[in-house]
N, C-alpha and C. Protein backbone atom coordinates (compact mmCIF):
# COMPACT_ATOMS: atom_id res chain seq x y z
N MET A 1 -4.65 -57.84 -1.47
CA MET A 1 -4.11 -57.77 -2.89
C MET A 1 -4.57 -58.98 -3.66
N PRO A 2 -4.91 -58.62 -5.03
CA PRO A 2 -5.31 -59.72 -5.89
C PRO A 2 -4.12 -60.67 -6.12
N TYR A 3 -4.50 -61.92 -6.50
CA TYR A 3 -3.38 -62.90 -6.88
C TYR A 3 -3.96 -63.83 -8.03
N VAL A 4 -3.08 -64.52 -8.60
CA VAL A 4 -3.33 -65.61 -9.63
C VAL A 4 -2.82 -66.87 -8.94
N THR A 5 -3.56 -68.06 -9.32
CA THR A 5 -3.05 -69.24 -8.80
C THR A 5 -2.73 -70.30 -9.85
N HIS A 6 -2.73 -69.82 -11.26
CA HIS A 6 -2.34 -70.68 -12.42
C HIS A 6 -1.03 -70.01 -13.09
N VAL A 7 -0.41 -70.73 -13.84
CA VAL A 7 0.72 -70.30 -14.62
C VAL A 7 0.62 -71.13 -15.98
N ALA A 8 1.13 -70.37 -17.06
CA ALA A 8 1.22 -71.10 -18.47
C ALA A 8 2.38 -72.07 -18.44
N VAL A 9 2.28 -73.05 -19.04
CA VAL A 9 3.39 -74.04 -19.10
C VAL A 9 3.35 -74.55 -20.78
N ILE A 10 4.53 -74.67 -21.17
CA ILE A 10 4.84 -75.01 -22.51
C ILE A 10 5.02 -76.59 -22.61
N ASP A 11 4.45 -77.17 -23.57
CA ASP A 11 4.78 -78.71 -23.82
C ASP A 11 5.62 -78.75 -25.04
N ASP A 12 6.97 -78.84 -24.70
CA ASP A 12 7.96 -78.76 -25.83
C ASP A 12 7.73 -79.76 -26.93
N ALA A 13 7.08 -80.85 -26.58
CA ALA A 13 6.82 -81.93 -27.54
C ALA A 13 5.87 -81.48 -28.65
N LEU A 14 4.87 -80.46 -28.26
CA LEU A 14 3.87 -80.09 -29.20
C LEU A 14 4.22 -78.77 -29.81
N CYS A 15 5.11 -78.00 -29.10
CA CYS A 15 5.50 -76.63 -29.64
C CYS A 15 6.21 -76.69 -30.86
N THR A 16 5.92 -75.80 -31.67
CA THR A 16 6.67 -75.75 -33.03
C THR A 16 7.59 -74.44 -33.13
N ARG A 17 7.66 -73.79 -31.92
CA ARG A 17 8.44 -72.50 -31.79
C ARG A 17 7.97 -71.46 -32.64
N CYS A 18 6.76 -71.45 -33.05
CA CYS A 18 6.16 -70.32 -33.71
C CYS A 18 6.09 -69.18 -32.72
N PRO A 19 6.01 -67.81 -33.17
CA PRO A 19 5.98 -66.75 -32.24
C PRO A 19 4.66 -66.30 -31.62
N VAL A 20 3.58 -66.98 -31.94
CA VAL A 20 2.30 -66.50 -31.79
C VAL A 20 2.09 -65.94 -30.34
N CYS A 21 2.45 -66.94 -29.39
CA CYS A 21 2.26 -66.53 -27.88
C CYS A 21 3.20 -65.38 -27.42
N VAL A 22 4.38 -65.29 -28.00
CA VAL A 22 5.28 -64.33 -27.75
C VAL A 22 4.72 -62.93 -28.13
N ARG A 23 4.09 -62.97 -29.20
CA ARG A 23 3.59 -61.64 -29.69
C ARG A 23 2.27 -61.22 -28.99
N LEU A 24 1.62 -62.15 -28.37
CA LEU A 24 0.42 -61.74 -27.79
C LEU A 24 0.40 -61.56 -26.38
N CYS A 25 1.33 -62.01 -25.71
CA CYS A 25 1.37 -61.85 -24.17
C CYS A 25 1.34 -60.44 -23.85
N PRO A 26 0.24 -60.14 -22.92
CA PRO A 26 0.18 -58.68 -22.60
C PRO A 26 1.07 -58.23 -21.51
N THR A 27 1.79 -59.27 -20.88
CA THR A 27 2.86 -58.86 -19.85
C THR A 27 4.21 -59.06 -20.25
N GLU A 28 4.30 -59.44 -21.57
CA GLU A 28 5.58 -59.91 -22.10
C GLU A 28 6.42 -61.07 -21.24
N ALA A 29 5.53 -61.87 -20.77
CA ALA A 29 6.09 -62.91 -19.95
C ALA A 29 6.69 -64.12 -20.81
N ILE A 30 6.42 -64.06 -22.09
CA ILE A 30 7.01 -65.09 -23.04
C ILE A 30 7.91 -64.72 -23.98
N ARG A 31 9.07 -65.42 -24.14
CA ARG A 31 10.16 -65.12 -25.02
C ARG A 31 10.63 -66.29 -25.87
N LEU A 32 11.14 -65.92 -26.99
CA LEU A 32 11.80 -67.09 -27.76
C LEU A 32 13.17 -66.96 -27.47
N GLU A 33 13.81 -68.25 -27.08
CA GLU A 33 15.18 -68.30 -26.75
C GLU A 33 15.92 -69.16 -27.62
N MET A 34 17.13 -68.78 -28.08
CA MET A 34 18.07 -69.62 -28.73
C MET A 34 18.91 -70.50 -27.69
N VAL A 35 18.92 -71.75 -27.73
CA VAL A 35 19.73 -72.59 -26.89
C VAL A 35 20.49 -73.48 -27.83
N GLY A 36 21.82 -73.29 -27.88
CA GLY A 36 22.59 -73.90 -28.94
C GLY A 36 22.15 -73.63 -30.25
N SER A 37 21.81 -74.69 -31.06
CA SER A 37 21.29 -74.48 -32.45
C SER A 37 19.80 -74.67 -32.32
N GLY A 38 19.06 -74.78 -31.30
CA GLY A 38 17.73 -74.88 -31.23
C GLY A 38 16.96 -73.64 -30.67
N ARG A 39 15.79 -73.53 -30.95
CA ARG A 39 14.75 -72.43 -30.46
C ARG A 39 13.81 -72.97 -29.52
N PHE A 40 13.62 -72.27 -28.40
CA PHE A 40 12.65 -72.73 -27.41
C PHE A 40 11.81 -71.54 -26.95
N ILE A 41 10.62 -71.84 -26.71
CA ILE A 41 9.61 -70.85 -26.08
C ILE A 41 9.75 -70.96 -24.56
N ARG A 42 10.02 -69.74 -23.87
CA ARG A 42 10.20 -69.81 -22.35
C ARG A 42 9.26 -69.00 -21.86
N ILE A 43 8.61 -69.11 -20.65
CA ILE A 43 7.55 -68.49 -19.88
C ILE A 43 8.29 -68.02 -18.58
N ASP A 44 8.25 -66.70 -18.22
CA ASP A 44 8.74 -66.14 -16.97
C ASP A 44 7.52 -66.27 -16.08
N SER A 45 7.44 -67.24 -15.15
CA SER A 45 6.25 -67.57 -14.21
C SER A 45 5.95 -66.30 -13.37
N GLU A 46 6.97 -65.47 -13.09
CA GLU A 46 6.87 -64.31 -12.27
C GLU A 46 6.15 -63.20 -12.91
N LYS A 47 5.93 -63.33 -14.29
CA LYS A 47 5.27 -62.31 -15.18
C LYS A 47 3.90 -62.85 -15.59
N CYS A 48 3.72 -64.11 -15.47
CA CYS A 48 2.40 -64.77 -16.13
C CYS A 48 1.38 -64.41 -15.10
N LEU A 49 0.22 -63.74 -15.58
CA LEU A 49 -0.82 -63.52 -14.71
C LEU A 49 -2.11 -64.18 -15.04
N ASP A 50 -1.85 -65.46 -15.68
CA ASP A 50 -3.02 -66.39 -15.92
C ASP A 50 -4.14 -65.84 -16.80
N CYS A 51 -3.79 -65.12 -17.73
CA CYS A 51 -4.85 -64.43 -18.63
C CYS A 51 -5.43 -65.48 -19.70
N THR A 52 -4.52 -66.55 -19.91
CA THR A 52 -4.90 -67.78 -20.76
C THR A 52 -4.86 -67.31 -22.37
N ILE A 53 -4.49 -66.01 -22.55
CA ILE A 53 -4.50 -65.66 -24.07
C ILE A 53 -3.56 -66.50 -24.87
N CYS A 54 -2.43 -66.91 -24.38
CA CYS A 54 -1.50 -67.67 -25.08
C CYS A 54 -1.98 -69.06 -25.27
N MET A 55 -2.71 -69.54 -24.27
CA MET A 55 -3.17 -71.03 -24.45
C MET A 55 -4.39 -71.10 -25.35
N THR A 56 -5.15 -69.99 -25.45
CA THR A 56 -6.37 -70.09 -26.34
C THR A 56 -6.06 -69.80 -27.73
N ARG A 57 -4.80 -69.02 -28.03
CA ARG A 57 -4.37 -68.76 -29.25
C ARG A 57 -3.36 -69.70 -29.89
N CYS A 58 -2.76 -70.49 -29.10
CA CYS A 58 -1.65 -71.41 -29.66
C CYS A 58 -2.21 -72.33 -30.65
N PRO A 59 -1.70 -72.33 -31.93
CA PRO A 59 -2.13 -73.14 -32.92
C PRO A 59 -2.01 -74.58 -32.85
N GLU A 60 -1.07 -74.96 -32.01
CA GLU A 60 -0.60 -76.43 -31.79
C GLU A 60 -1.15 -77.01 -30.37
N HIS A 61 -2.04 -76.12 -29.66
CA HIS A 61 -2.44 -76.47 -28.29
C HIS A 61 -1.31 -77.02 -27.40
N ALA A 62 -0.15 -76.25 -27.50
CA ALA A 62 1.03 -76.73 -26.74
C ALA A 62 1.23 -75.83 -25.44
N ILE A 63 0.19 -75.22 -25.00
CA ILE A 63 0.22 -74.42 -23.75
C ILE A 63 -0.90 -74.92 -22.88
N ARG A 64 -0.62 -75.10 -21.65
CA ARG A 64 -1.70 -75.51 -20.64
C ARG A 64 -1.60 -74.51 -19.51
N MET A 65 -2.53 -74.36 -18.65
CA MET A 65 -2.43 -73.72 -17.37
C MET A 65 -2.31 -74.72 -16.27
N GLU A 66 -1.35 -74.48 -15.44
CA GLU A 66 -1.16 -75.41 -14.31
C GLU A 66 -1.38 -74.78 -12.93
N ASP A 67 -1.68 -75.24 -11.90
CA ASP A 67 -1.78 -74.81 -10.58
C ASP A 67 -0.34 -74.32 -10.10
N ARG A 68 -0.32 -73.10 -9.64
CA ARG A 68 1.02 -72.71 -8.98
C ARG A 68 1.20 -73.34 -7.61
N ASP A 69 2.49 -73.38 -7.25
CA ASP A 69 2.86 -73.98 -5.89
C ASP A 69 2.38 -72.88 -4.93
N GLU A 70 2.52 -71.74 -5.13
CA GLU A 70 2.15 -70.54 -4.22
C GLU A 70 1.41 -69.39 -5.22
N PRO A 71 0.41 -68.79 -4.62
CA PRO A 71 -0.29 -67.84 -5.36
C PRO A 71 0.70 -66.67 -5.74
N LEU A 72 0.47 -65.96 -6.82
CA LEU A 72 1.36 -64.89 -7.21
C LEU A 72 0.58 -63.58 -7.10
N PRO A 73 0.83 -62.77 -6.14
CA PRO A 73 0.15 -61.51 -5.83
C PRO A 73 0.56 -60.61 -6.99
N PHE A 74 -0.37 -59.61 -7.25
CA PHE A 74 -0.08 -58.52 -8.26
C PHE A 74 -0.94 -57.36 -7.86
N GLY A 75 -0.50 -56.19 -8.47
CA GLY A 75 -1.28 -55.03 -8.10
C GLY A 75 -0.38 -53.93 -7.50
N VAL A 76 -1.04 -52.72 -7.52
CA VAL A 76 -0.35 -51.46 -7.04
C VAL A 76 -1.06 -50.88 -5.90
N ASP A 77 -0.39 -50.51 -4.93
CA ASP A 77 -1.01 -49.68 -3.77
C ASP A 77 -0.91 -48.28 -4.24
N TRP A 78 -2.13 -47.79 -4.61
CA TRP A 78 -2.18 -46.49 -5.25
C TRP A 78 -1.73 -45.33 -4.32
N THR A 79 -1.85 -45.80 -3.02
CA THR A 79 -1.42 -44.50 -2.04
C THR A 79 -0.03 -44.34 -1.98
N ARG A 80 0.82 -45.17 -2.51
CA ARG A 80 2.31 -44.94 -2.74
C ARG A 80 2.64 -43.67 -3.73
N ALA A 81 1.65 -43.33 -4.51
CA ALA A 81 1.81 -42.11 -5.41
C ALA A 81 1.27 -40.88 -4.75
N ASP A 82 1.63 -39.79 -5.25
CA ASP A 82 1.00 -38.41 -4.84
C ASP A 82 -0.47 -38.62 -5.33
N PRO A 83 -1.33 -38.47 -4.14
CA PRO A 83 -2.69 -38.45 -4.55
C PRO A 83 -3.18 -37.32 -5.44
N ALA A 84 -2.62 -36.13 -5.41
CA ALA A 84 -3.05 -34.96 -6.21
C ALA A 84 -2.78 -35.36 -7.63
N GLU A 85 -1.60 -36.01 -7.80
CA GLU A 85 -1.17 -36.25 -9.20
C GLU A 85 -1.99 -37.45 -9.80
N VAL A 86 -2.37 -38.33 -8.94
CA VAL A 86 -3.24 -39.49 -9.37
C VAL A 86 -4.48 -38.96 -9.73
N ALA A 87 -5.14 -38.04 -8.97
CA ALA A 87 -6.33 -37.29 -9.37
C ALA A 87 -6.29 -36.63 -10.65
N ARG A 88 -5.12 -35.81 -10.78
CA ARG A 88 -4.94 -35.00 -12.03
C ARG A 88 -4.96 -35.85 -13.23
N ILE A 89 -4.14 -37.08 -13.34
CA ILE A 89 -4.12 -37.86 -14.44
C ILE A 89 -5.47 -38.57 -14.62
N CYS A 90 -6.31 -38.97 -13.67
CA CYS A 90 -7.62 -39.44 -13.77
C CYS A 90 -8.62 -38.38 -14.42
N HIS A 91 -8.47 -37.33 -13.99
CA HIS A 91 -9.27 -36.17 -14.49
C HIS A 91 -8.96 -35.73 -15.72
N ALA A 92 -7.68 -35.81 -16.22
CA ALA A 92 -7.28 -35.51 -17.59
C ALA A 92 -7.74 -36.49 -18.52
N ALA A 93 -7.90 -37.86 -17.96
CA ALA A 93 -8.43 -38.84 -18.86
C ALA A 93 -9.93 -38.94 -18.84
N HIS A 94 -10.63 -38.05 -18.05
CA HIS A 94 -12.04 -37.96 -17.87
C HIS A 94 -12.53 -39.25 -17.11
N MET A 95 -11.86 -39.49 -16.02
CA MET A 95 -12.26 -40.69 -15.30
C MET A 95 -12.32 -40.32 -13.74
N HIS A 96 -13.21 -40.92 -13.07
CA HIS A 96 -13.36 -40.85 -11.59
C HIS A 96 -12.23 -41.84 -11.17
N GLU A 97 -11.48 -41.26 -10.04
CA GLU A 97 -10.40 -42.13 -9.53
C GLU A 97 -10.72 -43.53 -9.14
N GLU A 98 -12.00 -43.74 -8.62
CA GLU A 98 -12.48 -45.00 -8.15
C GLU A 98 -13.12 -45.89 -9.23
N GLN A 99 -13.19 -45.28 -10.44
CA GLN A 99 -13.82 -45.86 -11.70
C GLN A 99 -13.11 -47.26 -11.94
N ILE A 100 -13.94 -48.25 -12.01
CA ILE A 100 -13.42 -49.59 -12.57
C ILE A 100 -13.19 -49.51 -14.11
N ILE A 101 -11.93 -49.84 -14.50
CA ILE A 101 -11.68 -49.65 -15.94
C ILE A 101 -11.28 -51.06 -16.52
N CYS A 102 -11.02 -51.89 -15.72
CA CYS A 102 -10.76 -53.37 -16.14
C CYS A 102 -11.69 -54.38 -15.42
N PHE A 103 -12.94 -54.68 -15.87
CA PHE A 103 -13.83 -55.54 -15.18
C PHE A 103 -13.23 -56.86 -14.83
N CYS A 104 -12.53 -57.42 -15.83
CA CYS A 104 -11.92 -58.61 -15.46
C CYS A 104 -11.08 -58.80 -14.21
N ARG A 105 -10.38 -57.73 -13.89
CA ARG A 105 -9.50 -57.70 -12.71
C ARG A 105 -10.03 -56.71 -11.77
N GLN A 106 -10.96 -56.09 -12.02
CA GLN A 106 -11.51 -54.96 -10.99
C GLN A 106 -10.50 -54.00 -10.87
N THR A 107 -9.71 -53.59 -11.87
CA THR A 107 -8.70 -52.51 -11.62
C THR A 107 -9.28 -51.15 -11.75
N GLN A 108 -9.03 -50.27 -10.72
CA GLN A 108 -9.41 -48.85 -10.77
C GLN A 108 -8.63 -48.01 -11.46
N ALA A 109 -9.12 -46.83 -11.91
CA ALA A 109 -8.33 -45.92 -12.65
C ALA A 109 -7.16 -45.38 -11.70
N ARG A 110 -7.48 -45.17 -10.53
CA ARG A 110 -6.34 -44.60 -9.71
C ARG A 110 -5.08 -45.57 -9.50
N GLU A 111 -5.51 -46.97 -9.71
CA GLU A 111 -4.32 -47.83 -9.52
C GLU A 111 -3.47 -47.73 -10.74
N VAL A 112 -3.97 -47.55 -11.91
CA VAL A 112 -3.30 -47.33 -13.16
C VAL A 112 -2.46 -46.03 -13.14
N ALA A 113 -3.27 -45.03 -12.80
CA ALA A 113 -2.54 -43.74 -12.67
C ALA A 113 -1.34 -43.74 -11.80
N ALA A 114 -1.55 -44.39 -10.57
CA ALA A 114 -0.31 -44.53 -9.56
C ALA A 114 0.69 -45.33 -10.17
N ALA A 115 0.31 -46.30 -10.88
CA ALA A 115 1.33 -47.09 -11.57
C ALA A 115 2.17 -46.41 -12.70
N ILE A 116 1.56 -45.54 -13.29
CA ILE A 116 2.26 -44.60 -14.29
C ILE A 116 3.27 -43.73 -13.50
N LEU A 117 2.74 -43.01 -12.32
CA LEU A 117 3.61 -42.26 -11.63
C LEU A 117 4.80 -43.11 -10.98
N LEU A 118 4.60 -44.42 -10.80
CA LEU A 118 5.62 -45.14 -10.16
C LEU A 118 6.56 -45.83 -11.15
N GLY A 119 6.38 -45.30 -12.44
CA GLY A 119 7.46 -45.65 -13.45
C GLY A 119 6.94 -46.60 -14.62
N HIS A 120 5.66 -47.07 -14.52
CA HIS A 120 5.20 -47.91 -15.56
C HIS A 120 4.64 -47.23 -16.68
N ARG A 121 5.28 -47.26 -17.82
CA ARG A 121 5.13 -46.20 -19.05
C ARG A 121 4.56 -46.88 -20.26
N THR A 122 4.19 -48.19 -20.21
CA THR A 122 3.64 -48.83 -21.42
C THR A 122 2.50 -49.62 -21.02
N PRO A 123 1.56 -50.01 -21.93
CA PRO A 123 0.43 -50.86 -21.53
C PRO A 123 1.02 -52.20 -21.08
N GLU A 124 2.25 -52.82 -21.56
CA GLU A 124 2.58 -53.96 -21.05
C GLU A 124 3.15 -53.91 -19.64
N SER A 125 3.80 -52.86 -19.29
CA SER A 125 4.36 -52.67 -18.01
C SER A 125 3.21 -52.46 -16.95
N LEU A 126 2.15 -51.74 -17.47
CA LEU A 126 1.01 -51.43 -16.55
C LEU A 126 0.20 -52.79 -16.33
N ALA A 127 0.24 -53.72 -17.54
CA ALA A 127 -0.45 -54.95 -17.23
C ALA A 127 0.28 -55.79 -16.17
N LEU A 128 1.45 -55.82 -16.14
CA LEU A 128 2.29 -56.68 -15.32
C LEU A 128 2.21 -56.15 -13.85
N ALA A 129 2.09 -54.80 -13.71
CA ALA A 129 1.95 -54.07 -12.43
C ALA A 129 0.65 -54.17 -11.74
N THR A 130 -0.49 -53.94 -12.61
CA THR A 130 -1.78 -53.78 -12.10
C THR A 130 -2.72 -55.04 -12.47
N GLY A 131 -2.26 -55.91 -13.46
CA GLY A 131 -3.24 -56.82 -13.91
C GLY A 131 -4.06 -56.43 -15.02
N ILE A 132 -4.27 -55.14 -15.28
CA ILE A 132 -5.07 -54.62 -16.30
C ILE A 132 -4.68 -55.37 -17.69
N ARG A 133 -5.72 -55.60 -18.52
CA ARG A 133 -5.43 -56.24 -19.81
C ARG A 133 -5.03 -57.74 -19.74
N THR A 134 -5.19 -58.25 -18.51
CA THR A 134 -4.80 -59.71 -18.41
C THR A 134 -6.14 -60.62 -18.12
N GLY A 135 -7.22 -60.03 -18.54
CA GLY A 135 -8.55 -60.84 -18.49
C GLY A 135 -8.77 -61.13 -19.79
N CYS A 136 -9.69 -60.39 -20.40
CA CYS A 136 -10.24 -60.67 -21.73
C CYS A 136 -9.11 -60.07 -22.66
N GLY A 137 -8.24 -59.20 -22.28
CA GLY A 137 -7.15 -58.65 -23.09
C GLY A 137 -7.55 -57.57 -24.14
N VAL A 138 -8.77 -57.29 -24.16
CA VAL A 138 -9.40 -56.45 -25.16
C VAL A 138 -9.83 -55.00 -24.75
N LEU A 139 -10.83 -55.08 -23.87
CA LEU A 139 -11.82 -53.98 -23.65
C LEU A 139 -11.03 -52.75 -22.81
N CYS A 140 -10.17 -52.84 -22.00
CA CYS A 140 -9.42 -51.92 -21.19
C CYS A 140 -8.32 -51.12 -21.88
N ILE A 141 -7.88 -51.47 -23.06
CA ILE A 141 -6.76 -50.72 -23.74
C ILE A 141 -7.28 -49.27 -23.82
N THR A 142 -8.46 -49.02 -24.14
CA THR A 142 -8.82 -47.57 -24.24
C THR A 142 -8.56 -46.84 -23.16
N ALA A 143 -9.03 -47.19 -22.07
CA ALA A 143 -8.84 -46.68 -20.68
C ALA A 143 -7.21 -46.40 -20.49
N VAL A 144 -6.44 -47.54 -20.76
CA VAL A 144 -5.05 -47.37 -20.39
C VAL A 144 -4.57 -46.28 -21.26
N LEU A 145 -4.70 -46.35 -22.64
CA LEU A 145 -4.25 -45.30 -23.44
C LEU A 145 -4.74 -43.89 -22.97
N ARG A 146 -5.89 -43.64 -22.57
CA ARG A 146 -6.36 -42.35 -22.13
C ARG A 146 -5.68 -41.96 -20.89
N LEU A 147 -5.40 -42.89 -19.95
CA LEU A 147 -4.57 -42.48 -18.75
C LEU A 147 -3.19 -42.23 -19.05
N LEU A 148 -2.57 -42.79 -19.88
CA LEU A 148 -1.20 -42.67 -20.27
C LEU A 148 -1.21 -41.32 -20.92
N LYS A 149 -2.07 -40.95 -21.75
CA LYS A 149 -2.14 -39.68 -22.53
C LYS A 149 -2.35 -38.61 -21.44
N GLY A 150 -3.16 -38.84 -20.51
CA GLY A 150 -3.50 -37.89 -19.26
C GLY A 150 -2.13 -37.48 -18.60
N ALA A 151 -1.37 -38.60 -18.59
CA ALA A 151 0.02 -38.41 -17.73
C ALA A 151 1.11 -37.82 -18.67
N GLY A 152 0.75 -37.43 -20.02
CA GLY A 152 1.76 -36.95 -20.88
C GLY A 152 2.67 -38.01 -21.46
N VAL A 153 2.26 -39.34 -21.59
CA VAL A 153 3.24 -40.36 -21.98
C VAL A 153 2.91 -40.48 -23.53
N GLU A 154 4.03 -40.40 -24.36
CA GLU A 154 3.85 -40.57 -25.83
C GLU A 154 4.28 -42.10 -25.95
N LEU A 155 3.43 -42.83 -26.66
CA LEU A 155 3.76 -44.29 -27.00
C LEU A 155 4.33 -44.46 -28.28
N GLN A 156 5.15 -45.37 -28.36
CA GLN A 156 5.78 -45.72 -29.73
C GLN A 156 4.90 -47.02 -30.16
N LYS A 157 5.44 -47.63 -31.22
CA LYS A 157 4.66 -48.79 -31.84
C LYS A 157 4.51 -49.90 -30.74
N ALA A 158 3.41 -50.51 -30.72
CA ALA A 158 3.26 -51.66 -29.85
C ALA A 158 4.11 -52.76 -30.17
N PRO A 159 4.69 -53.57 -29.24
CA PRO A 159 5.48 -54.86 -29.57
C PRO A 159 4.62 -55.96 -30.04
N GLY A 160 5.38 -56.87 -30.89
CA GLY A 160 4.61 -57.97 -31.20
C GLY A 160 3.31 -57.74 -32.00
N TRP A 161 2.25 -58.53 -31.65
CA TRP A 161 0.89 -58.21 -32.21
C TRP A 161 0.02 -57.54 -31.30
N GLN A 162 0.58 -56.78 -30.30
CA GLN A 162 -0.18 -55.93 -29.45
C GLN A 162 -0.81 -54.84 -30.29
N TYR A 163 -1.74 -54.06 -29.80
CA TYR A 163 -2.39 -53.09 -30.64
C TYR A 163 -2.78 -51.87 -29.67
N TYR A 164 -2.25 -50.66 -30.01
CA TYR A 164 -2.55 -49.56 -29.17
C TYR A 164 -3.66 -48.84 -29.85
N GLY A 165 -4.77 -49.41 -30.12
CA GLY A 165 -5.91 -48.70 -30.64
C GLY A 165 -6.96 -48.38 -29.62
N SER A 166 -7.68 -47.35 -29.95
CA SER A 166 -8.68 -46.83 -29.02
C SER A 166 -10.06 -46.74 -29.60
N TYR A 167 -11.14 -46.93 -28.86
CA TYR A 167 -12.40 -46.70 -29.23
C TYR A 167 -12.58 -45.17 -29.03
N VAL A 168 -13.56 -44.78 -30.10
CA VAL A 168 -13.94 -43.25 -29.97
C VAL A 168 -14.96 -43.05 -28.90
N THR A 169 -14.65 -42.02 -28.09
CA THR A 169 -15.46 -41.79 -26.91
C THR A 169 -16.12 -40.35 -27.28
N ILE A 170 -16.98 -40.07 -26.33
CA ILE A 170 -17.70 -38.63 -26.34
C ILE A 170 -16.55 -37.51 -26.29
N TRP A 171 -15.39 -37.84 -25.62
CA TRP A 171 -14.45 -36.74 -25.48
C TRP A 171 -13.66 -36.65 -26.79
N ASP A 172 -13.77 -37.46 -27.61
CA ASP A 172 -12.96 -37.40 -29.02
C ASP A 172 -13.58 -36.75 -30.11
N LEU A 173 -14.99 -36.62 -29.94
CA LEU A 173 -15.82 -35.99 -31.12
C LEU A 173 -15.65 -34.41 -31.22
N PRO A 174 -15.12 -34.04 -32.40
CA PRO A 174 -14.98 -32.54 -32.56
C PRO A 174 -16.21 -31.89 -32.55
N GLN A 175 -16.32 -30.63 -32.23
CA GLN A 175 -17.38 -29.75 -32.10
C GLN A 175 -18.32 -29.78 -33.35
N ASP A 176 -17.62 -29.69 -34.45
CA ASP A 176 -18.37 -29.73 -35.76
C ASP A 176 -19.21 -31.00 -36.08
N VAL A 177 -18.71 -32.10 -35.55
CA VAL A 177 -19.37 -33.43 -35.67
C VAL A 177 -20.57 -33.48 -34.69
N ARG A 178 -20.26 -32.97 -33.58
CA ARG A 178 -21.44 -32.87 -32.50
C ARG A 178 -22.63 -32.06 -32.94
N ASP A 179 -22.13 -30.84 -33.60
CA ASP A 179 -23.05 -29.92 -34.09
C ASP A 179 -23.88 -30.40 -35.34
N LYS A 180 -23.36 -31.25 -36.14
CA LYS A 180 -23.81 -31.73 -37.32
C LYS A 180 -25.01 -32.67 -36.96
N TYR A 181 -24.91 -33.43 -35.94
CA TYR A 181 -25.91 -34.48 -35.72
C TYR A 181 -26.72 -34.12 -34.33
N PRO A 182 -27.52 -33.13 -34.35
CA PRO A 182 -28.26 -32.76 -33.14
C PRO A 182 -29.14 -33.77 -32.68
N GLU A 183 -29.66 -34.59 -33.56
CA GLU A 183 -30.67 -35.71 -33.15
C GLU A 183 -30.04 -36.63 -32.33
N TYR A 184 -28.75 -36.81 -32.14
CA TYR A 184 -28.10 -37.83 -31.29
C TYR A 184 -27.70 -37.12 -29.95
N TYR A 185 -28.11 -35.88 -29.70
CA TYR A 185 -27.80 -35.26 -28.56
C TYR A 185 -26.34 -35.35 -27.92
N LEU A 186 -25.41 -35.13 -28.94
CA LEU A 186 -24.03 -35.33 -28.45
C LEU A 186 -23.57 -34.30 -27.61
N ASN A 187 -23.95 -33.00 -27.80
CA ASN A 187 -23.59 -31.97 -26.97
C ASN A 187 -23.96 -32.10 -25.52
N GLU A 188 -25.26 -32.58 -25.47
CA GLU A 188 -25.96 -32.83 -24.13
C GLU A 188 -25.15 -33.90 -23.44
N ASP A 189 -24.77 -35.01 -24.17
CA ASP A 189 -24.09 -36.03 -23.54
C ASP A 189 -22.70 -35.60 -23.08
N LEU A 190 -22.14 -34.80 -23.81
CA LEU A 190 -20.71 -34.30 -23.41
C LEU A 190 -20.89 -33.53 -22.15
N GLU A 191 -21.98 -32.54 -22.04
CA GLU A 191 -22.32 -31.85 -20.82
C GLU A 191 -22.50 -32.76 -19.71
N ALA A 192 -23.16 -33.66 -19.85
CA ALA A 192 -23.51 -34.77 -18.67
C ALA A 192 -22.24 -35.45 -18.31
N ALA A 193 -21.40 -35.76 -19.27
CA ALA A 193 -20.09 -36.45 -19.06
C ALA A 193 -19.24 -35.53 -18.18
N HIS A 194 -19.20 -34.25 -18.59
CA HIS A 194 -18.36 -33.26 -17.90
C HIS A 194 -18.85 -33.13 -16.46
N ALA A 195 -20.15 -33.07 -16.30
CA ALA A 195 -20.69 -33.04 -14.92
C ALA A 195 -20.30 -34.29 -14.00
N MET A 196 -20.32 -35.44 -14.62
CA MET A 196 -19.97 -36.54 -13.91
C MET A 196 -18.51 -36.74 -13.77
N TYR A 197 -17.57 -36.47 -14.77
CA TYR A 197 -16.25 -36.66 -14.70
C TYR A 197 -15.58 -35.27 -15.13
N PRO A 198 -15.59 -34.46 -14.11
CA PRO A 198 -14.91 -33.11 -14.57
C PRO A 198 -13.37 -33.25 -14.75
N SER A 199 -13.00 -32.41 -15.56
CA SER A 199 -11.54 -32.34 -15.78
C SER A 199 -10.99 -30.96 -15.89
N GLU A 200 -9.82 -30.61 -16.18
CA GLU A 200 -9.20 -29.32 -16.38
C GLU A 200 -9.59 -28.72 -17.66
N ASP A 201 -9.81 -29.48 -18.69
CA ASP A 201 -9.96 -28.78 -20.06
C ASP A 201 -11.22 -28.46 -20.36
């Protein structure tokens, strides 16, 4: 099982209690707390997966990464979910079950599909469960959204400054667009993609 060995720590002397880190954390590990008449940023160390997004975005340089006393494991055993349902969700998302969809954490499509079946229904919950989106925090959101859609999950507005935006893929282009630009071989690309990643539709 993968694990992380560092955790984000706030320097209260430098922190101005702005909400930047709260709004950016992909696992919702950071919160703004009222203590008496003061506000403080707090980090839940059990949810911090060492992505460093908060540290690199903090305008006051008030966050640092420190060694953990013990490594924190994360990840989902995909075999705990129904394998037929895992395959169905992956195929609906036009993915192979063993396809790596987060290169930073080496997360496979079947792990995310299984996590969805085990009750993780938002990108943030999936990030905490599988580690996806806790590396660069950018590239794998499209795959996450495709898998959630394949599972029939309808998302609401993203929390904070998270973004549920997707890149256009060959699966998203309508027939008239593919036909309009034959010089790009879009129909042939779609045929090849269907052969490689078959699905029910």
